[in-house]
Amino acid sequence: MKAATHQDMTSHPALTDLDTMIPLIQALIPLGLQAFAEVMQAEVAQRAGPKYSRTGGQPNCVRWGRQPGSIFLADQKVPVPVQRVRDQARRQELPLQSYQQLQTPVQRCQWHKRENVVAYLPEGHRGPWRRKLQAAYQQPTYAEAKAALLRLHQELRLLNESAARSLLEGLEETLTLHRLVVFPQLGLSLKTTNCLESLNSLVAQRVGKVDRWRTSDQKQRWLAASLLDIEPRLRRIKGFRALPLLRQALRTAVQGGEETAAIQAA
């Protein structure tokens, strides 16, 4: 992939509206890695100037090699090489906003994971395996839940290799609430996508039959109007009083990732 030019640096849409670009990158899985690389290179060029150039960029900022990292695209954790920028005057590395905003841990839907696994099994085995997987996910701690799921993975290998691989794929992301130590308080509402699917269904009732939109912002206005109409009818999720715990746990997880990256870079 070619290095960003000075024109890219000043005109790239991600640098002027990064909050809009990040959800788009997460939604476009096939193009997500390429889009992330382009956004990151443009941000590096804005901070440190074009590659192989001694001019441009912010004062005292230089490129400082790269290191292995990972980002979340939808519900997948994907390894990526991450470029580094260093402020030589302050003798510290500068975090890349494009990388940080894709670091937030993702909770993958446990219901969909369970159904994906049992779909590979004969009809007679599906009921018992649903109960086994449900019991494993209901373990209160991350260590207990992961150990139970890994035991089930070994059993599944003897029954159906495809089901075993399906369980292992994205396993960590189905245990995010456990890892953040908020599953007992918020697991009932946030371990599945039911909350989002309920909202999507209510929006579809209001705009689902519209098949002719004059402009793209008309869609956005209708969506906003639908959400405002739905909002008074929404109920609090179970365990809503624990949401501050989730917010703090997410902040701690993101900060921990930054500290690990800094130690690896040192």
Protein backbone atom coordinates (compact mmCIF):
# COMPACT_ATOMS: atom_id res chain seq x y z
CA MET A 1 0.00 0.00 0.00
CA LYS A 2 1.45 3.37 -1.00
CA ALA A 3 2.35 5.99 1.57
CA ALA A 4 -0.03 8.88 2.12
CA THR A 5 0.83 12.04 0.20
CA HIS A 6 0.57 15.59 1.48
CA GLN A 7 -2.74 15.92 -0.37
CA ASP A 8 -4.06 12.76 1.33
CA MET A 9 -2.97 14.21 4.63
CA THR A 10 -5.08 17.33 4.27
CA SER A 11 -8.09 15.93 2.40
CA HIS A 12 -8.59 12.42 3.81
CA PRO A 13 -12.16 12.27 5.21
CA ALA A 14 -11.10 10.16 8.19
CA LEU A 15 -9.02 13.01 9.58
CA THR A 16 -11.94 15.43 9.56
CA ASP A 17 -14.70 13.00 10.59
CA LEU A 18 -13.01 10.08 12.31
CA ASP A 19 -16.03 9.32 14.50
CA THR A 20 -18.05 8.64 11.35
CA MET A 21 -15.36 6.55 9.68
CA ILE A 22 -14.79 4.17 12.60
CA PRO A 23 -18.30 2.57 12.51
CA LEU A 24 -18.01 2.26 8.74
CA ILE A 25 -14.68 0.43 9.04
CA GLN A 26 -16.22 -1.96 11.58
CA ALA A 27 -19.18 -2.71 9.30
CA LEU A 28 -17.16 -3.44 6.16
CA ILE A 29 -15.40 -6.60 7.26
CA PRO A 30 -13.96 -7.60 3.85
CA LEU A 31 -12.47 -4.13 3.38
CA GLY A 32 -11.93 -3.35 7.05
CA LEU A 33 -8.22 -4.09 7.23
CA GLN A 34 -7.45 -2.09 4.09
CA ALA A 35 -9.59 0.82 5.27
CA PHE A 36 -7.92 0.79 8.69
CA ALA A 37 -4.44 0.78 7.12
CA GLU A 38 -5.35 3.79 4.96
CA VAL A 39 -6.83 5.73 7.87
CA MET A 40 -3.83 4.94 10.09
CA GLN A 41 -1.32 5.94 7.39
CA ALA A 42 -3.15 9.22 6.83
CA GLU A 43 -3.08 9.97 10.56
CA VAL A 44 0.63 9.09 10.77
CA ALA A 45 1.31 11.38 7.79
CA GLN A 46 -0.62 14.19 9.46
CA ARG A 47 1.42 13.83 12.64
CA ALA A 48 4.90 12.98 11.29
CA GLY A 49 4.73 14.19 7.67
CA PRO A 50 4.94 12.17 4.45
CA LYS A 51 7.16 9.11 4.42
CA TYR A 52 10.86 9.77 3.58
CA SER A 53 10.29 13.52 4.03
CA ARG A 54 11.86 15.83 6.62
CA THR A 55 9.12 18.43 6.31
CA GLY A 56 5.42 18.47 7.08
CA GLY A 57 3.61 17.09 10.09
CA GLN A 58 3.71 18.35 13.65
CA PRO A 59 6.90 19.75 15.21
CA ASN A 60 9.28 17.16 16.73
CA CYS A 61 7.08 14.22 15.63
CA VAL A 62 8.77 11.38 13.74
CA ARG A 63 7.89 7.89 12.57
CA TRP A 64 9.17 5.27 15.01
CA GLY A 65 8.82 1.90 13.32
CA ARG A 66 5.89 -0.44 13.90
CA GLN A 67 4.71 -3.11 16.33
CA PRO A 68 2.14 -5.93 16.33
CA GLY A 69 -1.33 -5.04 17.54
CA SER A 70 -4.97 -5.98 17.10
CA ILE A 71 -8.29 -4.27 16.37
CA PHE A 72 -11.94 -5.26 16.63
CA LEU A 73 -13.80 -5.45 13.32
CA ALA A 74 -17.45 -6.09 14.17
CA ASP A 75 -17.09 -8.95 16.68
CA GLN A 76 -13.71 -10.24 15.49
CA LYS A 77 -10.33 -9.46 17.01
CA VAL A 78 -7.92 -9.14 14.09
CA PRO A 79 -4.09 -8.86 14.34
CA VAL A 80 -2.62 -5.86 12.51
CA PRO A 81 0.76 -4.11 12.27
CA VAL A 82 0.58 -0.73 13.99
CA GLN A 83 2.76 2.20 13.00
CA ARG A 84 4.31 4.28 15.77
CA VAL A 85 4.82 8.03 16.09
CA ARG A 86 7.17 9.57 18.68
CA ASP A 87 7.43 13.10 20.03
CA GLN A 88 11.19 13.55 20.34
CA ALA A 89 10.94 16.72 22.42
CA ARG A 90 8.82 15.05 25.12
CA ARG A 91 10.47 11.65 24.58
CA GLN A 92 7.20 9.76 24.47
CA GLU A 93 5.12 7.86 21.97
CA LEU A 94 1.94 9.46 20.66
CA PRO A 95 -1.20 7.26 20.59
CA LEU A 96 -2.97 6.96 17.24
CA GLN A 97 -6.64 7.84 17.51
CA SER A 98 -7.55 5.60 14.58
CA TYR A 99 -6.05 2.61 16.45
CA GLN A 100 -7.42 3.47 19.89
CA GLN A 101 -11.01 3.76 18.71
CA LEU A 102 -10.94 0.18 17.42
CA GLN A 103 -9.62 -1.21 20.71
CA THR A 104 -12.86 -1.32 22.70
CA PRO A 105 -13.67 -4.92 23.72
CA VAL A 106 -16.70 -6.48 22.00
CA GLN A 107 -19.25 -8.82 23.57
CA ARG A 108 -20.29 -11.41 21.01
CA CYS A 109 -23.84 -12.78 21.22
CA GLN A 110 -23.81 -16.01 23.23
CA TRP A 111 -27.18 -17.12 21.83
CA HIS A 112 -25.98 -16.90 18.22
CA LYS A 113 -22.74 -18.68 19.14
CA ARG A 114 -24.68 -21.51 20.76
CA GLU A 115 -27.03 -21.87 17.78
CA ASN A 116 -24.11 -21.80 15.33
CA VAL A 117 -22.47 -24.66 17.19
CA VAL A 118 -25.54 -26.92 17.54
CA ALA A 119 -26.47 -26.37 13.87
CA TYR A 120 -23.64 -28.77 12.98
CA LEU A 121 -25.05 -31.53 15.21
CA PRO A 122 -27.73 -34.14 14.49
CA GLU A 123 -31.20 -33.14 15.63
CA GLY A 124 -31.18 -35.53 18.56
CA HIS A 125 -28.01 -33.99 20.05
CA ARG A 126 -29.03 -30.35 19.79
CA GLY A 127 -31.18 -30.08 22.92
CA PRO A 128 -28.62 -31.58 25.33
CA TRP A 129 -25.80 -29.51 23.81
CA ARG A 130 -27.81 -26.30 24.09
CA ARG A 131 -28.16 -26.99 27.80
CA LYS A 132 -24.46 -27.82 28.16
CA LEU A 133 -23.35 -24.63 26.43
CA GLN A 134 -25.86 -22.53 28.36
CA ALA A 135 -24.60 -23.96 31.65
CA ALA A 136 -20.99 -23.20 30.69
CA TYR A 137 -21.78 -19.60 29.80
CA GLN A 138 -23.68 -19.17 33.08
CA GLN A 139 -20.53 -19.74 35.14
CA PRO A 140 -19.97 -16.58 37.21
CA THR A 141 -16.27 -16.00 36.51
CA TYR A 142 -14.15 -15.79 33.37
CA ALA A 143 -11.84 -18.63 34.43
CA GLU A 144 -14.72 -21.00 35.24
CA ALA A 145 -16.67 -20.20 32.07
CA LYS A 146 -13.66 -20.57 29.79
CA ALA A 147 -12.59 -23.84 31.43
CA ALA A 148 -16.11 -25.25 31.02
CA LEU A 149 -16.26 -24.22 27.36
CA LEU A 150 -12.84 -25.71 26.61
CA ARG A 151 -13.96 -29.01 28.14
CA LEU A 152 -17.01 -28.95 25.88
CA HIS A 153 -14.72 -28.22 22.94
CA GLN A 154 -12.82 -31.43 23.62
CA GLU A 155 -16.09 -33.38 23.77
CA LEU A 156 -17.30 -31.81 20.54
CA ARG A 157 -14.15 -32.85 18.71
CA LEU A 158 -15.20 -36.47 19.20
CA LEU A 159 -18.71 -35.73 17.94
CA ASN A 160 -18.32 -33.17 15.15
CA GLU A 161 -15.11 -31.34 14.21
CA SER A 162 -16.97 -28.48 12.52
CA ALA A 163 -19.01 -27.82 15.67
CA ALA A 164 -15.81 -27.84 17.73
CA ARG A 165 -14.16 -25.29 15.43
CA SER A 166 -17.29 -23.13 15.53
CA LEU A 167 -17.20 -23.04 19.34
CA LEU A 168 -13.53 -22.08 19.41
CA GLU A 169 -13.89 -19.33 16.78
CA GLY A 170 -14.46 -16.01 18.56
CA LEU A 171 -14.65 -17.74 21.96
CA GLU A 172 -12.90 -14.90 23.83
CA GLU A 173 -15.37 -12.34 22.48
CA THR A 174 -18.32 -14.31 23.89
CA LEU A 175 -16.71 -14.00 27.34
CA THR A 176 -16.05 -10.25 27.34
CA LEU A 177 -18.56 -9.54 30.13
CA HIS A 178 -16.97 -12.31 32.19
CA ARG A 179 -13.49 -10.90 31.55
CA LEU A 180 -14.65 -7.40 32.58
CA VAL A 181 -16.14 -8.91 35.80
CA VAL A 182 -19.64 -7.55 35.16
CA PHE A 183 -21.40 -10.72 33.95
CA PRO A 184 -23.37 -11.34 37.19
CA GLN A 185 -24.77 -7.80 37.07
CA LEU A 186 -25.30 -7.25 33.32
CA GLY A 187 -25.08 -10.66 31.67
CA LEU A 188 -28.83 -11.22 31.53
CA SER A 189 -29.35 -8.20 29.27
CA LEU A 190 -26.04 -7.83 27.40
CA LYS A 191 -24.93 -11.41 26.68
CA THR A 192 -27.18 -11.47 23.60
CA THR A 193 -28.19 -8.96 20.92
CA ASN A 194 -31.85 -9.01 21.99
CA CYS A 195 -31.83 -5.36 23.07
CA LEU A 196 -30.56 -4.20 19.69
CA GLU A 197 -32.79 -6.55 17.72
CA SER A 198 -35.85 -5.30 19.60
CA LEU A 199 -34.96 -1.71 18.73
CA ASN A 200 -34.30 -2.64 15.09
CA SER A 201 -37.70 -4.31 14.92
CA LEU A 202 -39.47 -1.21 16.24
CA VAL A 203 -37.66 0.97 13.70
CA ALA A 204 -38.60 -1.44 10.90
CA GLN A 205 -42.27 -1.14 11.88
CA ARG A 206 -42.08 2.60 11.15
CA VAL A 207 -39.84 2.80 8.07
CA GLY A 208 -39.58 -0.77 6.77
CA LYS A 209 -42.12 -0.28 3.99
CA VAL A 210 -40.56 2.90 2.63
CA ASP A 211 -38.78 1.98 -0.61
CA ARG A 212 -38.16 5.38 -2.15
CA TRP A 213 -35.84 7.84 -0.46
CA ARG A 214 -35.22 11.21 -2.07
CA THR A 215 -31.86 11.83 -0.37
CA SER A 216 -29.60 10.06 2.10
CA ASP A 217 -30.26 12.63 4.82
CA GLN A 218 -33.99 11.87 4.49
CA LYS A 219 -33.20 8.37 5.75
CA GLN A 220 -31.31 9.85 8.67
CA ARG A 221 -34.16 12.23 9.54
CA TRP A 222 -36.70 9.41 9.45
CA LEU A 223 -34.45 7.21 11.57
CA ALA A 224 -33.99 10.01 14.12
CA ALA A 225 -37.75 10.67 14.19
CA SER A 226 -38.43 6.94 14.66
CA LEU A 227 -35.96 6.68 17.55
CA LEU A 228 -37.45 9.74 19.24
CA ASP A 229 -40.92 8.21 18.90
CA ILE A 230 -39.69 4.86 20.30
CA GLU A 231 -37.64 6.28 23.19
CA PRO A 232 -40.51 6.87 25.68
CA ARG A 233 -41.58 3.23 25.25
CA LEU A 234 -38.15 1.74 25.95
CA ARG A 235 -37.56 0.05 29.29
CA ARG A 236 -34.36 0.00 31.29
CA ILE A 237 -32.21 -3.09 30.87
CA LYS A 238 -32.00 -5.45 33.81
CA GLY A 239 -29.07 -4.44 35.99
CA PHE A 240 -28.95 -0.88 34.61
CA ARG A 241 -27.58 0.39 37.93
CA ALA A 242 -24.36 -1.52 37.18
CA LEU A 243 -23.69 0.37 33.93
CA PRO A 244 -21.14 2.67 35.66
CA LEU A 245 -19.19 -0.51 36.55
CA LEU A 246 -19.15 -1.48 32.88
CA ARG A 247 -17.97 1.99 31.86
CA GLN A 248 -15.10 1.86 34.35
CA ALA A 249 -14.18 -1.71 33.33
CA LEU A 250 -14.01 -0.68 29.67
CA ARG A 251 -11.77 2.28 30.49
CA THR A 252 -9.48 0.04 32.51
CA ALA A 253 -9.32 -2.53 29.70
CA VAL A 254 -8.45 0.10 27.08
CA GLN A 255 -5.82 1.72 29.32
CA GLY A 256 -4.33 -1.70 30.05
CA GLY A 257 -4.00 -2.36 26.33
CA GLU A 258 -2.20 0.95 25.85
CA GLU A 259 0.23 0.19 28.71
CA THR A 260 0.99 -3.26 27.24
CA ALA A 261 1.70 -1.71 23.84
CA ALA A 262 3.99 0.87 25.46
CA ILE A 263 5.93 -1.85 27.32
CA GLN A 264 6.35 -3.85 24.10
CA ALA A 265 7.53 -0.71 22.29
CA ALA A 266 10.11 0.19 24.96
